[in-house]
Amino acid sequence: MPAPQNARYSSLAAFLAHYRALKAAPSRSAADERLLAEMAAAVGALPAQEIKALDEDPDDPAARRHRERAEVSLARVLAARGMLAG
C-alpha cells in the first residue's frame, strides 16, 4: 500500500518510529521514498546537534534532557509543516 502524501502523525513517537523504519528498510517503494524525503527534510530543519540527539538513547541525565529538547524542536517543525496532528 503506498504511503500517503503529506502524512500526518498522531504523535512524535509515531513519526519517529515510521521515520526510523523507512530509513532502515532494505528497499522502499517510490511513494515511501518520497515520504522519507519529506520526513528527512523536516528532521533536517533541526541543528546538527539536535539531529544527533534524536538518534541517541542516553543514560546520562544531561544527554537525556538534550534529546527531549530536540524532540520538542522536531514536534514544532512537524506541527508547522502539518505533519503532526493536534
PDB file of N, CA and C in Angstrom:
ATOM      1  N   MET A   1       0.846  -1.179   0.000  1.00  0.00           N
ATOM      2  CA  MET A   1       0.000   0.000   0.000  1.00  0.00           C
ATOM      3  C   MET A   1       0.886   1.235   0.000  1.00  0.00           C
ATOM      4  N   PRO A   2       0.694   2.154  -0.898  1.00  0.00           N
ATOM      5  CA  PRO A   2       1.535   3.334  -0.961  1.00  0.00           C
ATOM      6  C   PRO A   2       1.348   4.219   0.264  1.00  0.00           C
ATOM      7  N   ALA A   3       2.419   4.867   0.670  1.00  0.00           N
ATOM      8  CA  ALA A   3       2.343   5.786   1.800  1.00  0.00           C
ATOM      9  C   ALA A   3       1.625   7.055   1.361  1.00  0.00           C
ATOM     10  N   PRO A   4       0.824   7.629   2.242  1.00  0.00           N
ATOM     11  CA  PRO A   4       0.103   8.841   1.873  1.00  0.00           C
ATOM     12  C   PRO A   4       1.051  10.031   1.755  1.00  0.00           C
ATOM     13  N   GLN A   5       0.738  10.923   0.824  1.00  0.00           N
ATOM     14  CA  GLN A   5       1.495  12.158   0.728  1.00  0.00           C
ATOM     15  C   GLN A   5       1.031  13.082   1.846  1.00  0.00           C
ATOM     16  N   ASN A   6       1.922  13.941   2.309  1.00  0.00           N
ATOM     17  CA  ASN A   6       1.597  14.854   3.399  1.00  0.00           C
ATOM     18  C   ASN A   6       1.051  14.082   4.595  1.00  0.00           C
ATOM     19  N   ALA A   7       1.741  13.042   4.978  1.00  0.00           N
ATOM     20  CA  ALA A   7       1.313  12.199   6.089  1.00  0.00           C
ATOM     21  C   ALA A   7       1.230  13.017   7.366  1.00  0.00           C
ATOM     22  N   ARG A   8       0.241  12.687   8.182  1.00  0.00           N
ATOM     23  CA  ARG A   8       0.091  13.320   9.495  1.00  0.00           C
ATOM     24  C   ARG A   8       0.206  12.215  10.532  1.00  0.00           C
ATOM     25  N   TYR A   9       0.899  12.518  11.587  1.00  0.00           N
ATOM     26  CA  TYR A   9       1.140  11.545  12.644  1.00  0.00           C
ATOM     27  C   TYR A   9       0.427  11.970  13.912  1.00  0.00           C
ATOM     28  N   SER A  10      -0.062  11.001  14.646  1.00  0.00           N
ATOM     29  CA  SER A  10      -0.797  11.281  15.872  1.00  0.00           C
ATOM     30  C   SER A  10       0.127  11.705  17.007  1.00  0.00           C
ATOM     31  N   SER A  11       1.401  11.358  16.882  1.00  0.00           N
ATOM     32  CA  SER A  11       2.359  11.709  17.936  1.00  0.00           C
ATOM     33  C   SER A  11       3.766  11.762  17.353  1.00  0.00           C
ATOM     34  N   LEU A  12       4.638  12.392  18.102  1.00  0.00           N
ATOM     35  CA  LEU A  12       6.038  12.434  17.707  1.00  0.00           C
ATOM     36  C   LEU A  12       6.626  11.029  17.707  1.00  0.00           C
ATOM     37  N   ALA A  13       6.231  10.218  18.680  1.00  0.00           N
ATOM     38  CA  ALA A  13       6.728   8.842  18.745  1.00  0.00           C
ATOM     39  C   ALA A  13       6.345   8.059  17.486  1.00  0.00           C
ATOM     40  N   ALA A  14       5.123   8.274  16.996  1.00  0.00           N
ATOM     41  CA  ALA A  14       4.682   7.587  15.774  1.00  0.00           C
ATOM     42  C   ALA A  14       5.515   8.044  14.579  1.00  0.00           C
ATOM     43  N   PHE A  15       5.759   9.352  14.487  1.00  0.00           N
ATOM     44  CA  PHE A  15       6.591   9.866  13.395  1.00  0.00           C
ATOM     45  C   PHE A  15       7.981   9.246  13.447  1.00  0.00           C
ATOM     46  N   LEU A  16       8.618   9.301  14.626  1.00  0.00           N
ATOM     47  CA  LEU A  16       9.988   8.788  14.747  1.00  0.00           C
ATOM     48  C   LEU A  16      10.052   7.292  14.444  1.00  0.00           C
ATOM     49  N   ALA A  17       9.066   6.524  14.890  1.00  0.00           N
ATOM     50  CA  ALA A  17       9.060   5.082  14.611  1.00  0.00           C
ATOM     51  C   ALA A  17       8.958   4.828  13.111  1.00  0.00           C
ATOM     52  N   HIS A  18       8.083   5.563  12.426  1.00  0.00           N
ATOM     53  CA  HIS A  18       7.924   5.378  10.985  1.00  0.00           C
ATOM     54  C   HIS A  18       9.175   5.848  10.243  1.00  0.00           C
ATOM     55  N   TYR A  19       9.718   6.980  10.653  1.00  0.00           N
ATOM     56  CA  TYR A  19      10.932   7.511  10.030  1.00  0.00           C
ATOM     57  C   TYR A  19      12.090   6.517  10.143  1.00  0.00           C
ATOM     58  N   ARG A  20      12.283   5.984  11.334  1.00  0.00           N
ATOM     59  CA  ARG A  20      13.376   5.015  11.541  1.00  0.00           C
ATOM     60  C   ARG A  20      13.128   3.735  10.752  1.00  0.00           C
ATOM     61  N   ALA A  21      11.880   3.298  10.685  1.00  0.00           N
ATOM     62  CA  ALA A  21      11.562   2.081   9.922  1.00  0.00           C
ATOM     63  C   ALA A  21      11.828   2.287   8.433  1.00  0.00           C
ATOM     64  N   LEU A  22      11.434   3.434   7.908  1.00  0.00           N
ATOM     65  CA  LEU A  22      11.686   3.708   6.487  1.00  0.00           C
ATOM     66  C   LEU A  22      13.182   3.808   6.203  1.00  0.00           C
ATOM     67  N   LYS A  23      13.915   4.478   7.087  1.00  0.00           N
ATOM     68  CA  LYS A  23      15.365   4.606   6.893  1.00  0.00           C
ATOM     69  C   LYS A  23      16.046   3.251   6.892  1.00  0.00           C
ATOM     70  N   ALA A  24      15.555   2.336   7.720  1.00  0.00           N
ATOM     71  CA  ALA A  24      16.191   1.025   7.874  1.00  0.00           C
ATOM     72  C   ALA A  24      15.730   0.005   6.834  1.00  0.00           C
ATOM     73  N   ALA A  25      14.666   0.301   6.125  1.00  0.00           N
ATOM     74  CA  ALA A  25      14.121  -0.661   5.165  1.00  0.00           C
ATOM     75  C   ALA A  25      15.127  -0.937   4.046  1.00  0.00           C
ATOM     76  N   PRO A  26      15.344  -2.209   3.729  1.00  0.00           N
ATOM     77  CA  PRO A  26      16.301  -2.535   2.672  1.00  0.00           C
ATOM     78  C   PRO A  26      15.835  -2.089   1.284  1.00  0.00           C
ATOM     79  N   SER A  27      14.534  -1.985   1.098  1.00  0.00           N
ATOM     80  CA  SER A  27      14.004  -1.482  -0.172  1.00  0.00           C
ATOM     81  C   SER A  27      12.731  -0.710   0.137  1.00  0.00           C
ATOM     82  N   ARG A  28      12.468   0.307  -0.695  1.00  0.00           N
ATOM     83  CA  ARG A  28      11.296   1.146  -0.494  1.00  0.00           C
ATOM     84  C   ARG A  28      10.622   1.399  -1.832  1.00  0.00           C
ATOM     85  N   SER A  29       9.320   1.561  -1.772  1.00  0.00           N
ATOM     86  CA  SER A  29       8.568   1.927  -2.974  1.00  0.00           C
ATOM     87  C   SER A  29       8.854   3.389  -3.299  1.00  0.00           C
ATOM     88  N   ALA A  30       8.437   3.820  -4.469  1.00  0.00           N
ATOM     89  CA  ALA A  30       8.625   5.222  -4.856  1.00  0.00           C
ATOM     90  C   ALA A  30       7.870   6.144  -3.899  1.00  0.00           C
ATOM     91  N   ALA A  31       6.682   5.739  -3.487  1.00  0.00           N
ATOM     92  CA  ALA A  31       5.905   6.548  -2.546  1.00  0.00           C
ATOM     93  C   ALA A  31       6.613   6.639  -1.199  1.00  0.00           C
ATOM     94  N   ASP A  32       7.192   5.520  -0.754  1.00  0.00           N
ATOM     95  CA  ASP A  32       7.939   5.527   0.502  1.00  0.00           C
ATOM     96  C   ASP A  32       9.179   6.410   0.391  1.00  0.00           C
ATOM     97  N   GLU A  33       9.826   6.407  -0.759  1.00  0.00           N
ATOM     98  CA  GLU A  33      10.999   7.266  -0.974  1.00  0.00           C
ATOM     99  C   GLU A  33      10.606   8.737  -0.873  1.00  0.00           C
ATOM    100  N   ARG A  34       9.472   9.100  -1.468  1.00  0.00           N
ATOM    101  CA  ARG A  34       9.005  10.488  -1.395  1.00  0.00           C
ATOM    102  C   ARG A  34       8.672  10.871   0.040  1.00  0.00           C
ATOM    103  N   LEU A  35       7.990   9.972   0.732  1.00  0.00           N
ATOM    104  CA  LEU A  35       7.642  10.243   2.123  1.00  0.00           C
ATOM    105  C   LEU A  35       8.898  10.368   2.974  1.00  0.00           C
ATOM    106  N   LEU A  36       9.834   9.475   2.778  1.00  0.00           N
ATOM    107  CA  LEU A  36      11.085   9.540   3.539  1.00  0.00           C
ATOM    108  C   LEU A  36      11.816  10.853   3.264  1.00  0.00           C
ATOM    109  N   ALA A  37      11.802  11.310   2.036  1.00  0.00           N
ATOM    110  CA  ALA A  37      12.441  12.588   1.704  1.00  0.00           C
ATOM    111  C   ALA A  37      11.756  13.742   2.434  1.00  0.00           C
ATOM    112  N   GLU A  38      10.436  13.691   2.493  1.00  0.00           N
ATOM    113  CA  GLU A  38       9.681  14.728   3.207  1.00  0.00           C
ATOM    114  C   GLU A  38      10.002  14.684   4.704  1.00  0.00           C
ATOM    115  N   MET A  39      10.063  13.482   5.250  1.00  0.00           N
ATOM    116  CA  MET A  39      10.377  13.320   6.674  1.00  0.00           C
ATOM    117  C   MET A  39      11.806  13.783   6.964  1.00  0.00           C
ATOM    118  N   ALA A  40      12.729  13.404   6.099  1.00  0.00           N
ATOM    119  CA  ALA A  40      14.129  13.789   6.283  1.00  0.00           C
ATOM    120  C   ALA A  40      14.293  15.298   6.189  1.00  0.00           C
ATOM    121  N   ALA A  41      13.519  15.946   5.336  1.00  0.00           N
ATOM    122  CA  ALA A  41      13.583  17.402   5.233  1.00  0.00           C
ATOM    123  C   ALA A  41      13.117  18.047   6.537  1.00  0.00           C
ATOM    124  N   ALA A  42      12.102  17.487   7.147  1.00  0.00           N
ATOM    125  CA  ALA A  42      11.622  18.015   8.428  1.00  0.00           C
ATOM    126  C   ALA A  42      12.688  17.846   9.505  1.00  0.00           C
ATOM    127  N   VAL A  43      13.251  16.645   9.586  1.00  0.00           N
ATOM    128  CA  VAL A  43      14.307  16.395  10.573  1.00  0.00           C
ATOM    129  C   VAL A  43      15.516  17.278  10.267  1.00  0.00           C
ATOM    130  N   GLY A  44      15.821  17.439   8.993  1.00  0.00           N
ATOM    131  CA  GLY A  44      16.971  18.236   8.583  1.00  0.00           C
ATOM    132  C   GLY A  44      16.844  19.714   8.887  1.00  0.00           C
ATOM    133  N   ALA A  45      15.650  20.170   9.249  1.00  0.00           N
ATOM    134  CA  ALA A  45      15.456  21.565   9.634  1.00  0.00           C
ATOM    135  C   ALA A  45      16.041  21.851  11.011  1.00  0.00           C
ATOM    136  N   LEU A  46      16.372  20.808  11.745  1.00  0.00           N
ATOM    137  CA  LEU A  46      16.957  20.970  13.074  1.00  0.00           C
ATOM    138  C   LEU A  46      18.464  21.165  12.976  1.00  0.00           C
ATOM    139  N   PRO A  47      19.056  21.790  13.991  1.00  0.00           N
ATOM    140  CA  PRO A  47      20.519  21.868  14.036  1.00  0.00           C
ATOM    141  C   PRO A  47      21.128  20.462  14.137  1.00  0.00           C
ATOM    142  N   ALA A  48      22.341  20.323  13.647  1.00  0.00           N
ATOM    143  CA  ALA A  48      23.004  19.010  13.610  1.00  0.00           C
ATOM    144  C   ALA A  48      23.064  18.342  14.976  1.00  0.00           C
ATOM    145  N   GLN A  49      23.303  19.103  16.020  1.00  0.00           N
ATOM    146  CA  GLN A  49      23.388  18.507  17.364  1.00  0.00           C
ATOM    147  C   GLN A  49      22.056  17.910  17.793  1.00  0.00           C
ATOM    148  N   GLU A  50      20.962  18.549  17.401  1.00  0.00           N
ATOM    149  CA  GLU A  50      19.650  18.023  17.764  1.00  0.00           C
ATOM    150  C   GLU A  50      19.329  16.771  16.955  1.00  0.00           C
ATOM    151  N   ILE A  51      19.716  16.754  15.691  1.00  0.00           N
ATOM    152  CA  ILE A  51      19.503  15.555  14.873  1.00  0.00           C
ATOM    153  C   ILE A  51      20.247  14.373  15.487  1.00  0.00           C
ATOM    154  N   LYS A  52      21.471  14.613  15.892  1.00  0.00           N
ATOM    155  CA  LYS A  52      22.269  13.557  16.527  1.00  0.00           C
ATOM    156  C   LYS A  52      21.603  13.091  17.824  1.00  0.00           C
ATOM    157  N   ALA A  53      21.095  14.019  18.600  1.00  0.00           N
ATOM    158  CA  ALA A  53      20.466  13.678  19.876  1.00  0.00           C
ATOM    159  C   ALA A  53      19.231  12.797  19.673  1.00  0.00           C
ATOM    160  N   LEU A  54      18.521  12.984  18.559  1.00  0.00           N
ATOM    161  CA  LEU A  54      17.328  12.179  18.294  1.00  0.00           C
ATOM    162  C   LEU A  54      17.666  10.704  18.103  1.00  0.00           C
ATOM    163  N   ASP A  55      18.873  10.419  17.634  1.00  0.00           N
ATOM    164  CA  ASP A  55      19.268   9.044  17.363  1.00  0.00           C
ATOM    165  C   ASP A  55      19.924   8.364  18.558  1.00  0.00           C
ATOM    166  N   GLU A  56      20.100   9.084  19.647  1.00  0.00           N
ATOM    167  CA  GLU A  56      20.767   8.521  20.817  1.00  0.00           C
ATOM    168  C   GLU A  56      19.753   8.060  21.850  1.00  0.00           C
ATOM    169  N   ASP A  57      20.159   7.091  22.651  1.00  0.00           N
ATOM    170  CA  ASP A  57      19.366   6.615  23.773  1.00  0.00           C
ATOM    171  C   ASP A  57      20.241   6.732  25.013  1.00  0.00           C
ATOM    172  N   PRO A  58      20.399   7.956  25.513  1.00  0.00           N
ATOM    173  CA  PRO A  58      21.386   8.215  26.553  1.00  0.00           C
ATOM    174  C   PRO A  58      20.965   7.753  27.948  1.00  0.00           C
ATOM    175  N   ASP A  59      21.964   7.407  28.742  1.00  0.00           N
ATOM    176  CA  ASP A  59      21.752   7.105  30.154  1.00  0.00           C
ATOM    177  C   ASP A  59      21.995   8.350  31.005  1.00  0.00           C
ATOM    178  N   ASP A  60      22.842   9.228  30.498  1.00  0.00           N
ATOM    179  CA  ASP A  60      23.219  10.446  31.206  1.00  0.00           C
ATOM    180  C   ASP A  60      22.028  11.419  31.254  1.00  0.00           C
ATOM    181  N   PRO A  61      21.680  11.929  32.433  1.00  0.00           N
ATOM    182  CA  PRO A  61      20.541  12.839  32.537  1.00  0.00           C
ATOM    183  C   PRO A  61      20.662  14.080  31.653  1.00  0.00           C
ATOM    184  N   ALA A  62      21.833  14.660  31.556  1.00  0.00           N
ATOM    185  CA  ALA A  62      22.014  15.854  30.712  1.00  0.00           C
ATOM    186  C   ALA A  62      21.784  15.515  29.241  1.00  0.00           C
ATOM    187  N   ALA A  63      22.294  14.387  28.798  1.00  0.00           N
ATOM    188  CA  ALA A  63      22.100  13.967  27.408  1.00  0.00           C
ATOM    189  C   ALA A  63      20.635  13.639  27.147  1.00  0.00           C
ATOM    190  N   ARG A  64      19.973  13.076  28.143  1.00  0.00           N
ATOM    191  CA  ARG A  64      18.552  12.760  28.005  1.00  0.00           C
ATOM    192  C   ARG A  64      17.737  14.052  27.859  1.00  0.00           C
ATOM    193  N   ARG A  65      18.071  15.076  28.629  1.00  0.00           N
ATOM    194  CA  ARG A  65      17.388  16.366  28.502  1.00  0.00           C
ATOM    195  C   ARG A  65      17.640  16.980  27.129  1.00  0.00           C
ATOM    196  N   HIS A  66      18.855  16.825  26.616  1.00  0.00           N
ATOM    197  CA  HIS A  66      19.175  17.339  25.288  1.00  0.00           C
ATOM    198  C   HIS A  66      18.296  16.647  24.238  1.00  0.00           C
ATOM    199  N   ARG A  67      18.133  15.342  24.376  1.00  0.00           N
ATOM    200  CA  ARG A  67      17.265  14.612  23.441  1.00  0.00           C
ATOM    201  C   ARG A  67      15.820  15.091  23.557  1.00  0.00           C
ATOM    202  N   GLU A  68      15.363  15.299  24.775  1.00  0.00           N
ATOM    203  CA  GLU A  68      13.998  15.772  24.975  1.00  0.00           C
ATOM    204  C   GLU A  68      13.794  17.146  24.342  1.00  0.00           C
ATOM    205  N   ARG A  69      14.777  18.022  24.456  1.00  0.00           N
ATOM    206  CA  ARG A  69      14.686  19.337  23.811  1.00  0.00           C
ATOM    207  C   ARG A  69      14.655  19.189  22.291  1.00  0.00           C
ATOM    208  N   ALA A  70      15.448  18.258  21.768  1.00  0.00           N
ATOM    209  CA  ALA A  70      15.446  18.008  20.320  1.00  0.00           C
ATOM    210  C   ALA A  70      14.080  17.501  19.874  1.00  0.00           C
ATOM    211  N   GLU A  71      13.459  16.663  20.672  1.00  0.00           N
ATOM    212  CA  GLU A  71      12.126  16.154  20.339  1.00  0.00           C
ATOM    213  C   GLU A  71      11.095  17.275  20.336  1.00  0.00           C
ATOM    214  N   VAL A  72      11.203  18.204  21.278  1.00  0.00           N
ATOM    215  CA  VAL A  72      10.292  19.351  21.305  1.00  0.00           C
ATOM    216  C   VAL A  72      10.492  20.193  20.048  1.00  0.00           C
ATOM    217  N   SER A  73      11.727  20.421  19.674  1.00  0.00           N
ATOM    218  CA  SER A  73      12.022  21.190  18.460  1.00  0.00           C
ATOM    219  C   SER A  73      11.451  20.498  17.230  1.00  0.00           C
ATOM    220  N   LEU A  74      11.625  19.188  17.144  1.00  0.00           N
ATOM    221  CA  LEU A  74      11.101  18.444  15.996  1.00  0.00           C
ATOM    222  C   LEU A  74       9.578  18.497  15.973  1.00  0.00           C
ATOM    223  N   ALA A  75       8.952  18.380  17.120  1.00  0.00           N
ATOM    224  CA  ALA A  75       7.485  18.459  17.177  1.00  0.00           C
ATOM    225  C   ALA A  75       7.002  19.804  16.644  1.00  0.00           C
ATOM    226  N   ARG A  76       7.716  20.867  16.962  1.00  0.00           N
ATOM    227  CA  ARG A  76       7.353  22.197  16.445  1.00  0.00           C
ATOM    228  C   ARG A  76       7.479  22.241  14.923  1.00  0.00           C
ATOM    229  N   VAL A  77       8.565  21.688  14.402  1.00  0.00           N
ATOM    230  CA  VAL A  77       8.770  21.667  12.948  1.00  0.00           C
ATOM    231  C   VAL A  77       7.653  20.866  12.284  1.00  0.00           C
ATOM    232  N   LEU A  78       7.354  19.701  12.833  1.00  0.00           N
ATOM    233  CA  LEU A  78       6.314  18.850  12.243  1.00  0.00           C
ATOM    234  C   LEU A  78       4.946  19.536  12.294  1.00  0.00           C
ATOM    235  N   ALA A  79       4.645  20.192  13.400  1.00  0.00           N
ATOM    236  CA  ALA A  79       3.364  20.898  13.517  1.00  0.00           C
ATOM    237  C   ALA A  79       3.297  22.022  12.482  1.00  0.00           C
ATOM    238  N   ALA A  80       4.373  22.746  12.312  1.00  0.00           N
ATOM    239  CA  ALA A  80       4.399  23.848  11.342  1.00  0.00           C
ATOM    240  C   ALA A  80       4.225  23.342   9.911  1.00  0.00           C
ATOM    241  N   ARG A  81       4.686  22.136   9.650  1.00  0.00           N
ATOM    242  CA  ARG A  81       4.568  21.543   8.315  1.00  0.00           C
ATOM    243  C   ARG A  81       3.276  20.755   8.141  1.00  0.00           C
ATOM    244  N   GLY A  82       2.442  20.724   9.160  1.00  0.00           N
ATOM    245  CA  GLY A  82       1.178  19.993   9.074  1.00  0.00           C
ATOM    246  C   GLY A  82       1.348  18.483   9.137  1.00  0.00           C
ATOM    247  N   MET A  83       2.462  18.035   9.686  1.00  0.00           N
ATOM    248  CA  MET A  83       2.734  16.596   9.739  1.00  0.00           C
ATOM    249  C   MET A  83       2.407  15.981  11.101  1.00  0.00           C
ATOM    250  N   LEU A  84       2.015  16.821  12.060  1.00  0.00           N
ATOM    251  CA  LEU A  84       1.719  16.328  13.400  1.00  0.00           C
ATOM    252  C   LEU A  84       0.312  16.770  13.773  1.00  0.00           C
ATOM    253  N   ALA A  85      -0.537  15.810  14.066  1.00  0.00           N
ATOM    254  CA  ALA A  85      -1.918  16.112  14.434  1.00  0.00           C
ATOM    255  C   ALA A  85      -1.953  16.709  15.832  1.00  0.00           C
ATOM    256  N   GLY A  86      -2.921  17.541  16.052  1.00  0.00           N
ATOM    257  CA  GLY A  86      -3.148  18.091  17.388  1.00  0.00           C
ATOM    258  C   GLY A  86      -2.263  19.194  17.666  1.00  0.00           C
TER     259      GLY A  86
END
